[in-house]
Amino acid sequence: MDTFTLNNGVVIPALGLGVFQTPPDETTAAVTAALQAGYRHIDTAAAYANERGVGDAIASSGLDRSEVFIETKIWISDYGYDETLHSFTKSAGKLGVEQLDLLILHQALPSEFEQTIGAYRALEQLLADGKVRAIGVSNFMVDHLTRLLDATSVVPAVNQIEVHPHFQQREVQAFGTEHGILTQAWSPIGGITSYRDAARPSFDEPVILGIGERYGKSAAQVMLRWHIQQGRQVIPKSTKPERIAENLDVFDFALTDDELAQIDALETGVRGGPEPEAVTLGAFGREIPEA
């Protein structure tokens, strides 16, 4: 497994398992299969309602706690300083751990950004207290990052954003690189393009399929390799053990500069997830249950 080193020296595996939209009753089996296949990073979130399943799988894996990098996210309904401190308690309780490896804010809340700032200051306190090893954000655009950096002390270790061949967010990535913020790619193999009315899902792109044929790799494996070679950490999701294992098998080949450029050229500029400015408590707020 390749790794990346975060801006505070913490090491994160280059590839982990994402569990977005994985039903709670399937999460434990998916995480168990991933850990057995060799994954050592699991990405979940309070809003996914499956943190407990992640924790159960890790607890029963036989692995030492230090061997598994656990990442979760605070939902916007729990923003604000005190609320976010309590949200950590809820997530840690469901995950069955005392310390998280990476805790991030799930979205910016542009219309009520002071609550976002309060939430991040709570992450800074949790970091200072040793309850988390690294902190970061998700779905933050350049203006959100700029406002955050101006108002807080700790530069986010990561920014988890939608990145796949059809939507690459190069401006956000470049800002992150400039400030030492690692880009984590969600929907890294373009799964979102298969149900967002894309003209052609990213994994059906002839360019990607052609590259895969040359290496004996699937389109998903080619896309994951593209991310890792360009310095992005990836969290592909699947509940199928064979796909989970396949997604990990990307460290035995390398794409050429020309092949990387061919994939770069597939940019469409079409976002699959919600527009960042549309994220409001009224539209997306939901109660996060206690542990």
Protein backbone atom coordinates (compact mmCIF):
# COMPACT_ATOMS: atom_id res chain seq x y z
CA MET A 1 0.00 0.00 0.00
CA ASP A 2 1.34 3.41 -0.95
CA THR A 3 0.80 6.25 1.52
CA PHE A 4 0.55 10.03 1.68
CA THR A 5 1.89 12.15 4.52
CA LEU A 6 -0.49 14.84 5.76
CA ASN A 7 0.66 18.36 6.56
CA ASN A 8 1.06 17.50 10.26
CA GLY A 9 3.14 14.37 9.62
CA VAL A 10 0.32 11.81 10.00
CA VAL A 11 0.50 9.05 7.38
CA ILE A 12 -2.64 7.97 5.51
CA PRO A 13 -3.00 5.04 3.11
CA ALA A 14 -3.27 6.17 -0.51
CA LEU A 15 -6.47 4.17 -0.96
CA GLY A 16 -9.30 3.45 1.45
CA LEU A 17 -12.85 2.12 1.44
CA GLY A 18 -15.73 4.59 1.26
CA VAL A 19 -19.12 3.59 2.66
CA PHE A 20 -21.36 6.38 1.32
CA GLN A 21 -24.88 5.02 0.71
CA THR A 22 -23.90 1.61 2.06
CA PRO A 23 -26.91 0.45 4.09
CA PRO A 24 -26.15 -0.07 7.78
CA ASP A 25 -26.91 -3.79 7.56
CA GLU A 26 -24.38 -4.21 4.70
CA THR A 27 -21.65 -2.00 6.10
CA THR A 28 -20.09 -4.49 8.51
CA ALA A 29 -19.73 -7.12 5.77
CA ALA A 30 -18.24 -4.62 3.30
CA VAL A 31 -15.71 -3.28 5.80
CA THR A 32 -14.83 -6.81 6.91
CA ALA A 33 -14.17 -7.81 3.30
CA ALA A 34 -12.04 -4.69 2.82
CA LEU A 35 -9.92 -5.30 5.90
CA GLN A 36 -9.42 -8.92 4.89
CA ALA A 37 -8.33 -7.77 1.42
CA GLY A 38 -5.72 -5.44 2.89
CA TYR A 39 -7.43 -2.07 3.22
CA ARG A 40 -6.31 -0.07 6.24
CA HIS A 41 -8.37 3.12 5.82
CA ILE A 42 -12.14 3.38 6.18
CA ASP A 43 -14.03 6.60 5.41
CA THR A 44 -17.49 7.06 6.90
CA ALA A 45 -19.65 9.96 8.14
CA ALA A 46 -22.22 10.76 10.78
CA ALA A 47 -24.76 11.44 8.03
CA TYR A 48 -24.25 7.99 6.49
CA ALA A 49 -25.89 6.35 9.54
CA ASN A 50 -23.45 3.44 9.33
CA GLU A 51 -20.61 4.40 11.71
CA ARG A 52 -21.66 1.62 14.09
CA GLY A 53 -21.30 -0.99 11.34
CA VAL A 54 -17.82 0.31 10.56
CA GLY A 55 -16.86 0.10 14.22
CA ASP A 56 -18.22 -3.42 14.57
CA ALA A 57 -16.18 -4.64 11.60
CA ILE A 58 -12.98 -3.07 12.89
CA ALA A 59 -13.53 -4.42 16.40
CA SER A 60 -14.04 -7.97 15.13
CA SER A 61 -11.22 -7.86 12.56
CA GLY A 62 -8.47 -8.97 14.93
CA LEU A 63 -6.40 -5.97 13.83
CA ASP A 64 -4.84 -3.68 16.37
CA ARG A 65 -6.56 -0.30 16.56
CA SER A 66 -3.36 1.40 15.38
CA GLU A 67 -3.44 -0.59 12.14
CA VAL A 68 -6.71 0.93 10.85
CA PHE A 69 -7.01 4.58 9.84
CA ILE A 70 -10.55 5.73 10.73
CA GLU A 71 -12.04 8.85 9.15
CA THR A 72 -15.49 10.31 9.73
CA LYS A 73 -17.33 13.58 9.11
CA ILE A 74 -19.40 16.07 11.12
CA TRP A 75 -22.77 16.85 9.54
CA ILE A 76 -23.97 20.45 9.12
CA SER A 77 -26.78 19.95 11.66
CA ASP A 78 -24.08 19.62 14.35
CA TYR A 79 -22.07 22.72 13.38
CA GLY A 80 -21.15 25.25 16.02
CA TYR A 81 -18.39 24.87 18.62
CA ASP A 82 -20.22 22.98 21.39
CA GLU A 83 -22.38 21.03 18.95
CA THR A 84 -19.34 19.75 17.06
CA LEU A 85 -17.57 18.71 20.25
CA HIS A 86 -20.65 16.66 21.10
CA SER A 87 -20.83 15.28 17.56
CA PHE A 88 -17.32 13.87 18.03
CA THR A 89 -18.60 12.06 21.13
CA LYS A 90 -21.50 10.61 19.15
CA SER A 91 -19.30 9.39 16.31
CA ALA A 92 -16.57 7.99 18.55
CA GLY A 93 -19.20 6.15 20.56
CA LYS A 94 -20.75 4.54 17.48
CA LEU A 95 -17.32 3.66 16.09
CA GLY A 96 -16.27 2.23 19.46
CA VAL A 97 -13.02 4.19 19.66
CA GLU A 98 -11.56 6.90 21.86
CA GLN A 99 -9.47 8.58 19.17
CA LEU A 100 -10.18 9.25 15.49
CA ASP A 101 -7.42 9.40 12.90
CA LEU A 102 -9.11 12.05 10.77
CA LEU A 103 -12.21 14.13 11.51
CA ILE A 104 -13.54 16.52 8.87
CA LEU A 105 -16.46 18.88 8.26
CA HIS A 106 -18.78 17.29 5.70
CA GLN A 107 -19.79 20.47 3.87
CA ALA A 108 -19.31 24.19 4.02
CA LEU A 109 -22.43 25.99 5.21
CA PRO A 110 -22.06 29.16 3.13
CA SER A 111 -25.19 30.95 4.30
CA GLU A 112 -24.21 30.48 7.96
CA PHE A 113 -20.45 30.38 7.73
CA GLU A 114 -19.88 31.44 11.33
CA GLN A 115 -21.31 28.06 12.34
CA THR A 116 -18.82 26.43 9.99
CA ILE A 117 -16.01 28.39 11.65
CA GLY A 118 -17.26 27.40 15.09
CA ALA A 119 -17.33 23.76 14.04
CA TYR A 120 -13.77 23.91 12.71
CA ARG A 121 -12.53 25.58 15.89
CA ALA A 122 -14.00 22.62 17.76
CA LEU A 123 -11.95 20.32 15.49
CA GLU A 124 -8.87 22.36 16.38
CA GLN A 125 -9.62 21.82 20.07
CA LEU A 126 -10.12 18.08 19.57
CA LEU A 127 -6.77 17.98 17.77
CA ALA A 128 -5.07 19.87 20.60
CA ASP A 129 -6.62 17.48 23.12
CA GLY A 130 -5.34 14.43 21.25
CA LYS A 131 -8.82 13.10 20.51
CA VAL A 132 -8.15 13.27 16.77
CA ARG A 133 -4.85 12.91 14.93
CA ALA A 134 -5.72 15.17 11.99
CA ILE A 135 -8.57 17.45 10.91
CA GLY A 136 -9.92 18.66 7.60
CA VAL A 137 -12.88 19.55 5.44
CA SER A 138 -14.99 18.19 2.60
CA ASN A 139 -16.67 19.86 -0.37
CA PHE A 140 -15.01 23.21 0.36
CA MET A 141 -14.43 25.48 -2.62
CA VAL A 142 -11.61 28.02 -2.88
CA ASP A 143 -13.64 30.85 -1.34
CA HIS A 144 -14.69 28.62 1.57
CA LEU A 145 -11.08 27.55 2.15
CA THR A 146 -9.88 31.15 1.99
CA ARG A 147 -12.43 32.28 4.58
CA LEU A 148 -11.58 29.31 6.80
CA LEU A 149 -7.83 29.92 6.65
CA ASP A 150 -8.35 33.59 7.51
CA ALA A 151 -10.40 32.75 10.62
CA THR A 152 -8.64 29.67 12.08
CA SER A 153 -5.17 28.48 13.01
CA VAL A 154 -4.78 24.89 11.74
CA VAL A 155 -4.58 24.36 7.98
CA PRO A 156 -6.89 21.46 7.01
CA ALA A 157 -5.00 18.25 6.37
CA VAL A 158 -7.43 17.21 3.63
CA ASN A 159 -10.25 18.50 1.47
CA GLN A 160 -12.47 15.64 0.33
CA ILE A 161 -14.14 16.66 -2.95
CA GLU A 162 -15.82 15.12 -5.98
CA VAL A 163 -13.06 14.24 -8.46
CA HIS A 164 -13.29 11.83 -11.38
CA PRO A 165 -12.36 12.10 -15.07
CA HIS A 166 -15.54 14.01 -15.93
CA PHE A 167 -15.23 16.53 -13.07
CA GLN A 168 -11.77 17.38 -11.82
CA GLN A 169 -12.01 20.65 -9.84
CA ARG A 170 -8.46 21.64 -10.81
CA GLU A 171 -8.72 25.11 -9.24
CA VAL A 172 -9.67 23.65 -5.87
CA GLN A 173 -6.94 21.02 -6.16
CA ALA A 174 -4.32 23.65 -7.02
CA PHE A 175 -5.33 25.80 -4.03
CA GLY A 176 -5.00 22.74 -1.83
CA THR A 177 -1.55 21.91 -3.18
CA GLU A 178 -0.43 25.50 -2.61
CA HIS A 179 -1.47 25.33 1.04
CA GLY A 180 -0.45 21.74 1.82
CA ILE A 181 -4.01 20.37 1.81
CA LEU A 182 -4.30 16.83 0.42
CA THR A 183 -7.13 16.26 -2.04
CA GLN A 184 -9.26 13.22 -1.21
CA ALA A 185 -11.37 12.13 -4.17
CA TRP A 186 -14.90 10.97 -3.52
CA SER A 187 -16.64 9.16 -6.38
CA PRO A 188 -13.10 8.59 -7.73
CA ILE A 189 -14.22 6.08 -10.35
CA GLY A 190 -17.15 8.23 -11.40
CA GLY A 191 -19.91 6.12 -9.93
CA ILE A 192 -21.97 9.29 -9.65
CA THR A 193 -21.83 9.66 -13.45
CA SER A 194 -23.83 6.46 -13.82
CA TYR A 195 -26.92 7.90 -12.13
CA ARG A 196 -26.68 11.63 -12.84
CA ASP A 197 -27.80 11.50 -16.48
CA ALA A 198 -24.27 11.60 -17.85
CA ALA A 199 -24.07 11.08 -21.60
CA ARG A 200 -21.59 8.29 -20.88
CA PRO A 201 -20.49 7.01 -17.45
CA SER A 202 -16.79 7.54 -16.86
CA PHE A 203 -16.12 3.82 -16.67
CA ASP A 204 -17.51 3.41 -20.21
CA GLU A 205 -15.08 5.93 -21.68
CA PRO A 206 -13.25 4.35 -24.66
CA VAL A 207 -10.01 6.13 -23.69
CA ILE A 208 -10.05 4.60 -20.22
CA LEU A 209 -11.09 1.17 -21.47
CA GLY A 210 -8.31 1.26 -24.06
CA ILE A 211 -5.68 2.11 -21.46
CA GLY A 212 -7.01 -0.70 -19.26
CA GLU A 213 -6.65 -3.22 -22.07
CA ARG A 214 -2.96 -2.38 -22.40
CA TYR A 215 -2.34 -3.19 -18.74
CA GLY A 216 -4.90 -5.93 -18.18
CA LYS A 217 -6.77 -3.64 -15.79
CA SER A 218 -10.40 -2.54 -15.45
CA ALA A 219 -11.58 1.02 -16.08
CA ALA A 220 -11.97 1.47 -12.31
CA GLN A 221 -8.37 0.40 -11.70
CA VAL A 222 -7.11 2.80 -14.38
CA MET A 223 -9.01 5.71 -12.84
CA LEU A 224 -7.73 4.91 -9.35
CA ARG A 225 -4.17 4.75 -10.67
CA TRP A 226 -4.70 8.13 -12.39
CA HIS A 227 -5.69 9.69 -9.07
CA ILE A 228 -2.85 8.20 -7.03
CA GLN A 229 -0.17 9.14 -9.56
CA GLN A 230 -1.44 12.71 -9.54
CA GLY A 231 -1.23 12.87 -5.76
CA ARG A 232 -4.84 12.34 -4.72
CA GLN A 233 -5.99 9.99 -1.98
CA VAL A 234 -8.99 7.88 -3.05
CA ILE A 235 -11.94 6.23 -1.31
CA PRO A 236 -13.78 4.02 -3.81
CA LYS A 237 -16.91 2.35 -2.48
CA SER A 238 -18.34 -1.08 -3.10
CA THR A 239 -20.20 -3.76 -1.17
CA LYS A 240 -19.04 -6.60 -3.43
CA PRO A 241 -15.95 -8.44 -2.09
CA GLU A 242 -14.57 -9.06 -5.57
CA ARG A 243 -14.85 -5.38 -6.51
CA ILE A 244 -13.42 -4.31 -3.16
CA ALA A 245 -10.36 -6.50 -3.79
CA GLU A 246 -10.07 -5.35 -7.42
CA ASN A 247 -10.03 -1.69 -6.43
CA LEU A 248 -7.04 -2.32 -4.18
CA ASP A 249 -5.02 -3.98 -6.97
CA VAL A 250 -3.62 -0.77 -8.45
CA PHE A 251 -0.06 -0.64 -7.17
CA ASP A 252 1.60 -2.92 -9.72
CA PHE A 253 1.45 -0.68 -12.81
CA ALA A 254 2.00 2.96 -13.75
CA LEU A 255 0.38 5.16 -16.38
CA THR A 256 2.49 7.19 -18.77
CA ASP A 257 2.37 10.99 -18.88
CA ASP A 258 0.48 10.74 -22.16
CA GLU A 259 -2.10 8.38 -20.65
CA LEU A 260 -2.58 10.68 -17.68
CA ALA A 261 -3.12 13.57 -20.09
CA GLN A 262 -5.67 11.57 -22.09
CA ILE A 263 -7.71 11.02 -18.94
CA ASP A 264 -7.33 14.68 -17.94
CA ALA A 265 -8.85 15.61 -21.31
CA LEU A 266 -12.13 13.87 -20.41
CA GLU A 267 -13.20 16.82 -18.22
CA THR A 268 -16.82 17.87 -18.81
CA GLY A 269 -17.21 20.44 -16.04
CA VAL A 270 -20.44 18.78 -14.87
CA ARG A 271 -20.76 18.39 -11.11
CA GLY A 272 -22.64 15.31 -9.90
CA GLY A 273 -23.07 16.27 -6.25
CA PRO A 274 -25.01 19.25 -4.90
CA GLU A 275 -23.86 22.75 -5.71
CA PRO A 276 -21.89 23.95 -2.66
CA GLU A 277 -23.89 27.17 -2.36
CA ALA A 278 -27.13 25.15 -2.27
CA VAL A 279 -26.16 23.39 0.97
CA THR A 280 -28.33 24.90 3.70
CA LEU A 281 -29.77 23.63 6.96
CA GLY A 282 -33.25 24.04 5.53
CA ALA A 283 -32.51 21.83 2.54
CA PHE A 284 -30.07 19.32 4.02
CA GLY A 285 -30.38 19.46 7.80
CA ARG A 286 -31.12 16.20 9.60
CA GLU A 287 -30.82 15.05 13.17
CA ILE A 288 -27.80 12.90 13.96
CA PRO A 289 -28.79 10.34 16.63
CA GLU A 290 -26.88 9.90 19.87
CA ALA A 291 -24.47 7.02 20.23
